[in-house]
Amino acid sequence: MDKATFSCIVFGEILYDCFPDRTCLGGAALNFAWNLRQLGFPVAMISAVGRDDLGRQAKDFLTRADIGQQCVADRPEPTGTVDVFLQDGQPSYTIRSGVAWDHIETQPALDQPPDLIYYGTAAQRSPANRPGLEHLLAANPRHRFFDVNLRKDAYSRETVLFGLEAASIVKLNDEEWEEVRLIADVDRPVDLIARFALDCLAITLGAKGAQLHYAKTSFEKRLEPVPVIDAVGAGDAFSGVLAAGTLLNTNQQQVLNLACTAGAAAVQHPGAHLQLPDEVKAAFD
């Protein structure tokens, strides 16, 4: 199928990751859009930025990346920022509140159900954002990709359960899995799949690789160690490839292998917006 015929909508944050020595455009939602767009799929974002220099720079980036921004609002609040601290390449985050992406209020008219809608937990921290997300999910998209992304002070039990109940695809890391299984009161990946009628559950294992779980089968990919510059955006690279493979109904083990290749490349690159490896792009040509 021609990838141009797909409709992919990304709901969530546009923000800047502020490291001690640099500032980089990011946010899980934008990073996901960037990676999926590299693989040839049309992507539109629903988000908000401030009427400030950072907001203008973010919109310039969207233009260059050919990511739809008709539903990226200009807000009086400042563009979002996050303080990022790295220890052995692994990030911790302090997310600023009262910023533009706390006011994602756009509810676009949709002529037909999207093929995929992406959402996470952080953008749900603001009650102002929830009607817009509910509007998108009510359009009955074919795939509903919930990228869990548990960040301190940016999620609740309520938002996790809402995300799970709405999802068809769930992606989280091994630490998030331990918390989500307690929230959902399940023991095994297959139990989460059964409780929420998921098509797919992806669990990333950091440097060790990742797993894909389905109702009747599972796949695992183990990785060799690679040098880590920073892990910011590695999960988003994995998610973008997983979404692309799901849209095209690609062989599941192949999708997992490619997603892990993308994640491993991301940790060797500063910031979240790497060019995906040629072998990953070629697999979706």
Protein backbone atom coordinates (compact mmCIF):
# COMPACT_ATOMS: atom_id res chain seq x y z
CA MET A 1 0.00 0.00 0.00
CA ASP A 2 1.18 3.52 -0.79
CA LYS A 3 2.31 5.06 2.50
CA ALA A 4 0.97 8.43 1.39
CA THR A 5 -2.55 7.05 1.84
CA PHE A 6 -2.12 6.57 5.58
CA SER A 7 -3.37 9.09 8.14
CA CYS A 8 -1.23 9.35 11.29
CA ILE A 9 -1.99 11.85 14.05
CA VAL A 10 0.30 12.52 17.01
CA PHE A 11 -1.21 14.12 20.11
CA GLY A 12 1.13 15.49 22.74
CA GLU A 13 4.01 17.59 23.85
CA ILE A 14 6.46 19.74 21.94
CA LEU A 15 9.21 20.86 24.30
CA TYR A 16 12.92 21.48 24.69
CA ASP A 17 15.24 19.16 26.60
CA CYS A 18 17.62 21.37 28.57
CA PHE A 19 20.84 19.52 29.35
CA PRO A 20 23.58 21.11 31.46
CA ASP A 21 25.58 21.84 28.28
CA ARG A 22 22.96 22.16 25.52
CA THR A 23 19.27 22.61 24.66
CA CYS A 24 17.60 20.26 22.17
CA LEU A 25 14.10 20.16 20.71
CA GLY A 26 12.23 17.08 21.88
CA GLY A 27 9.21 15.69 23.65
CA ALA A 28 8.14 12.07 23.18
CA ALA A 29 5.26 13.00 20.86
CA LEU A 30 7.40 15.13 18.56
CA ASN A 31 10.21 12.57 18.58
CA PHE A 32 7.76 9.85 17.56
CA ALA A 33 6.41 12.04 14.74
CA TRP A 34 9.97 12.71 13.54
CA ASN A 35 10.82 9.02 13.37
CA LEU A 36 7.58 7.91 11.71
CA ARG A 37 7.88 10.70 9.12
CA GLN A 38 11.42 9.53 8.24
CA LEU A 39 9.91 6.20 7.25
CA GLY A 40 7.70 7.87 4.67
CA PHE A 41 4.37 8.13 6.50
CA PRO A 42 2.40 11.39 6.52
CA VAL A 43 2.23 12.70 10.09
CA ALA A 44 0.31 15.61 11.63
CA MET A 45 0.80 16.88 15.17
CA ILE A 46 -1.80 18.22 17.57
CA SER A 47 0.07 20.27 20.15
CA ALA A 48 0.88 23.81 21.28
CA VAL A 49 3.92 26.08 21.51
CA GLY A 50 4.48 29.51 22.93
CA ARG A 51 4.64 32.77 21.03
CA ASP A 52 8.36 32.96 21.71
CA ASP A 53 11.68 32.18 20.03
CA LEU A 54 11.57 28.52 21.08
CA GLY A 55 8.08 28.16 19.67
CA ARG A 56 9.10 29.69 16.36
CA GLN A 57 12.12 27.42 16.17
CA ALA A 58 9.93 24.38 16.86
CA LYS A 59 7.55 25.34 14.05
CA ASP A 60 10.49 25.86 11.70
CA PHE A 61 11.63 22.33 12.57
CA LEU A 62 8.18 20.94 11.77
CA THR A 63 8.26 22.70 8.42
CA ARG A 64 11.68 21.27 7.53
CA ALA A 65 10.64 17.79 8.68
CA ASP A 66 7.39 17.97 6.68
CA ILE A 67 5.28 17.24 9.77
CA GLY A 68 1.79 18.73 9.62
CA GLN A 69 1.38 21.65 12.02
CA GLN A 70 -2.04 23.06 11.18
CA CYS A 71 -3.19 21.89 14.64
CA VAL A 72 -0.15 23.17 16.56
CA ALA A 73 -1.55 26.18 18.40
CA ASP A 74 0.30 29.37 19.29
CA ARG A 75 -0.26 30.05 22.96
CA PRO A 76 0.52 32.92 25.37
CA GLU A 77 2.24 30.48 27.73
CA PRO A 78 5.94 29.75 27.17
CA THR A 79 7.05 26.84 25.03
CA GLY A 80 7.62 23.78 27.20
CA THR A 81 11.02 22.95 28.65
CA VAL A 82 12.40 20.02 30.62
CA ASP A 83 15.59 19.92 32.68
CA VAL A 84 17.46 16.73 31.78
CA PHE A 85 20.28 15.24 33.85
CA LEU A 86 22.32 12.29 32.63
CA GLN A 87 23.97 9.63 34.77
CA ASP A 88 25.89 6.99 32.81
CA GLY A 89 23.92 8.13 29.76
CA GLN A 90 20.53 7.51 31.40
CA PRO A 91 18.27 10.57 31.72
CA SER A 92 16.19 11.91 34.58
CA TYR A 93 13.68 14.69 33.93
CA THR A 94 12.16 17.72 35.64
CA ILE A 95 9.20 18.82 33.52
CA ARG A 96 8.11 22.45 33.74
CA SER A 97 4.39 23.12 34.22
CA GLY A 98 2.20 26.03 33.13
CA VAL A 99 3.56 25.82 29.58
CA ALA A 100 2.00 25.87 26.12
CA TRP A 101 1.51 22.11 25.74
CA ASP A 102 -0.63 22.12 28.88
CA HIS A 103 -3.25 23.76 26.61
CA ILE A 104 -3.69 21.42 23.64
CA GLU A 105 -7.30 22.36 22.99
CA THR A 106 -7.57 21.87 19.21
CA GLN A 107 -10.24 19.39 18.12
CA PRO A 108 -9.90 18.97 14.35
CA ALA A 109 -12.73 17.84 12.11
CA LEU A 110 -11.90 14.38 10.78
CA ASP A 111 -13.41 13.26 7.47
CA GLN A 112 -12.62 9.64 8.19
CA PRO A 113 -11.04 7.60 11.00
CA PRO A 114 -7.24 7.99 11.16
CA ASP A 115 -5.09 4.93 10.60
CA LEU A 116 -3.11 5.66 13.75
CA ILE A 117 -3.32 7.99 16.73
CA TYR A 118 -0.37 8.28 19.11
CA TYR A 119 -0.67 9.56 22.68
CA GLY A 120 1.10 9.24 26.03
CA THR A 121 0.60 10.14 29.68
CA ALA A 122 2.40 13.48 30.05
CA ALA A 123 0.00 15.50 27.89
CA GLN A 124 -2.88 14.12 29.95
CA ARG A 125 -1.57 15.81 33.11
CA SER A 126 -3.59 18.89 32.16
CA PRO A 127 -7.41 18.64 32.32
CA ALA A 128 -7.54 21.14 29.42
CA ASN A 129 -5.99 18.53 27.12
CA ARG A 130 -8.26 15.61 27.82
CA PRO A 131 -11.30 16.63 25.71
CA GLY A 132 -9.08 16.93 22.65
CA LEU A 133 -7.61 13.47 23.14
CA GLU A 134 -11.04 11.98 23.81
CA HIS A 135 -12.29 13.62 20.58
CA LEU A 136 -9.54 11.93 18.57
CA LEU A 137 -10.07 8.52 20.13
CA ALA A 138 -13.82 8.78 19.53
CA ALA A 139 -13.06 8.94 15.80
CA ASN A 140 -12.36 5.18 16.02
CA PRO A 141 -8.80 5.10 14.64
CA ARG A 142 -7.60 1.72 13.38
CA HIS A 143 -4.51 1.77 15.64
CA ARG A 144 -4.30 3.56 19.00
CA PHE A 145 -0.65 3.72 20.08
CA PHE A 146 -0.23 4.41 23.82
CA ASP A 147 3.42 5.25 24.58
CA VAL A 148 3.29 5.06 28.37
CA ASN A 149 6.34 7.24 29.24
CA LEU A 150 5.90 7.56 33.00
CA ARG A 151 7.55 10.80 34.07
CA LYS A 152 7.67 12.06 37.65
CA ASP A 153 4.67 14.28 38.51
CA ALA A 154 3.30 13.92 34.94
CA TYR A 155 0.99 10.92 35.24
CA SER A 156 -1.58 9.36 37.54
CA ARG A 157 -3.24 5.98 37.98
CA GLU A 158 -6.27 7.47 36.24
CA THR A 159 -4.36 8.55 33.13
CA VAL A 160 -2.53 5.23 32.89
CA LEU A 161 -5.79 3.27 33.04
CA PHE A 162 -7.48 5.61 30.56
CA GLY A 163 -4.56 5.15 28.17
CA LEU A 164 -4.68 1.37 28.48
CA GLU A 165 -8.43 1.18 28.02
CA ALA A 166 -8.26 3.24 24.82
CA ALA A 167 -5.19 1.53 23.32
CA SER A 168 -4.63 -1.19 20.77
CA ILE A 169 -0.79 -0.93 20.97
CA VAL A 170 1.06 -0.24 24.22
CA LYS A 171 4.78 0.46 24.50
CA LEU A 172 6.68 0.84 27.77
CA ASN A 173 10.08 0.06 29.26
CA ASP A 174 10.87 -2.61 31.84
CA GLU A 175 10.66 -0.21 34.79
CA GLU A 176 7.33 1.16 33.56
CA TRP A 177 6.05 -2.40 33.11
CA GLU A 178 6.59 -3.07 36.82
CA GLU A 179 4.51 -0.03 37.75
CA VAL A 180 1.82 -0.57 35.12
CA ARG A 181 1.26 -4.18 36.09
CA LEU A 182 0.63 -3.04 39.68
CA ILE A 183 -1.78 -0.33 38.53
CA ALA A 184 -3.60 -2.78 36.26
CA ASP A 185 -3.37 -5.67 38.77
CA VAL A 186 -1.88 -8.17 36.34
CA ASP A 187 1.13 -10.49 36.59
CA ARG A 188 2.15 -11.23 33.00
CA PRO A 189 2.19 -9.39 29.68
CA VAL A 190 -0.47 -11.78 28.34
CA ASP A 191 -2.73 -10.80 31.24
CA LEU A 192 -2.48 -7.11 30.34
CA ILE A 193 -3.23 -7.95 26.71
CA ALA A 194 -6.30 -9.93 27.72
CA ARG A 195 -7.63 -7.37 30.21
CA PHE A 196 -7.44 -4.44 27.78
CA ALA A 197 -7.94 -6.36 24.49
CA LEU A 198 -4.60 -5.14 23.15
CA ASP A 199 -3.26 -6.10 19.75
CA CYS A 200 0.36 -5.67 20.85
CA LEU A 201 2.41 -4.94 23.98
CA ALA A 202 6.02 -3.83 23.52
CA ILE A 203 8.44 -3.87 26.47
CA THR A 204 11.87 -2.33 25.92
CA LEU A 205 14.72 -3.63 28.07
CA GLY A 206 17.31 -0.89 27.63
CA ALA A 207 20.68 -2.22 26.52
CA LYS A 208 19.38 -5.80 26.70
CA GLY A 209 16.89 -5.45 23.81
CA ALA A 210 13.09 -5.67 23.74
CA GLN A 211 10.04 -7.92 23.60
CA LEU A 212 6.83 -7.91 21.58
CA HIS A 213 3.85 -9.68 23.10
CA TYR A 214 0.64 -10.71 21.35
CA ALA A 215 -2.34 -12.71 22.58
CA LYS A 216 -0.96 -16.03 21.31
CA THR A 217 2.76 -15.45 20.76
CA SER A 218 5.77 -13.39 21.83
CA PHE A 219 9.05 -12.31 20.26
CA GLU A 220 12.32 -11.21 21.83
CA LYS A 221 15.42 -9.47 20.50
CA ARG A 222 18.67 -9.43 22.46
CA LEU A 223 21.27 -6.75 21.75
CA GLU A 224 25.03 -6.55 21.99
CA PRO A 225 26.31 -3.66 24.15
CA VAL A 226 26.88 -0.35 22.35
CA PRO A 227 28.52 2.88 23.58
CA VAL A 228 25.92 5.21 25.10
CA ILE A 229 26.08 8.99 24.61
CA ASP A 230 22.57 9.58 25.90
CA ALA A 231 19.41 7.51 25.87
CA VAL A 232 17.02 10.42 25.24
CA GLY A 233 14.80 9.53 22.31
CA ALA A 234 15.80 5.86 22.08
CA GLY A 235 12.35 4.66 23.04
CA ASP A 236 10.79 7.10 20.57
CA ALA A 237 12.91 5.72 17.73
CA PHE A 238 11.78 2.22 18.71
CA SER A 239 8.15 3.38 18.79
CA GLY A 240 8.29 5.01 15.37
CA VAL A 241 9.57 1.82 13.76
CA LEU A 242 7.04 -0.32 15.63
CA ALA A 243 4.22 1.92 14.40
CA ALA A 244 5.48 1.79 10.81
CA GLY A 245 5.71 -1.98 10.87
CA THR A 246 2.25 -2.30 12.37
CA LEU A 247 0.72 -0.03 9.72
CA LEU A 248 2.28 -2.12 6.95
CA ASN A 249 1.58 -5.46 8.66
CA THR A 250 5.29 -6.32 8.50
CA ASN A 251 6.62 -9.59 9.91
CA GLN A 252 6.58 -9.17 13.69
CA GLN A 253 10.08 -10.47 14.43
CA GLN A 254 11.46 -8.26 11.66
CA VAL A 255 9.67 -5.23 13.10
CA LEU A 256 11.17 -5.95 16.53
CA ASN A 257 14.66 -6.35 15.09
CA LEU A 258 14.39 -3.07 13.17
CA ALA A 259 12.94 -1.20 16.14
CA CYS A 260 15.82 -2.37 18.33
CA THR A 261 18.32 -1.31 15.66
CA ALA A 262 16.77 2.17 15.68
CA GLY A 263 16.84 2.38 19.48
CA ALA A 264 20.46 1.26 19.64
CA ALA A 265 21.42 3.92 17.09
CA ALA A 266 19.61 6.59 19.12
CA VAL A 267 21.64 6.01 22.30
CA GLN A 268 24.83 6.63 20.32
CA HIS A 269 23.53 10.04 19.15
CA PRO A 270 23.23 13.24 21.24
CA GLY A 271 19.63 14.44 21.45
CA ALA A 272 16.52 12.77 20.11
CA HIS A 273 16.50 13.60 16.39
CA LEU A 274 18.90 11.21 14.74
CA GLN A 275 18.64 10.09 11.16
CA LEU A 276 17.45 6.51 11.36
CA PRO A 277 19.95 3.91 10.09
CA ASP A 278 19.84 3.22 6.36
CA GLU A 279 18.95 -0.44 6.93
CA VAL A 280 15.87 0.61 8.88
CA LYS A 281 14.75 3.10 6.24
CA ALA A 282 15.39 0.62 3.44
CA ALA A 283 13.14 -1.95 5.07
CA PHE A 284 10.18 0.42 4.63
CA ASP A 285 10.91 1.60 1.08
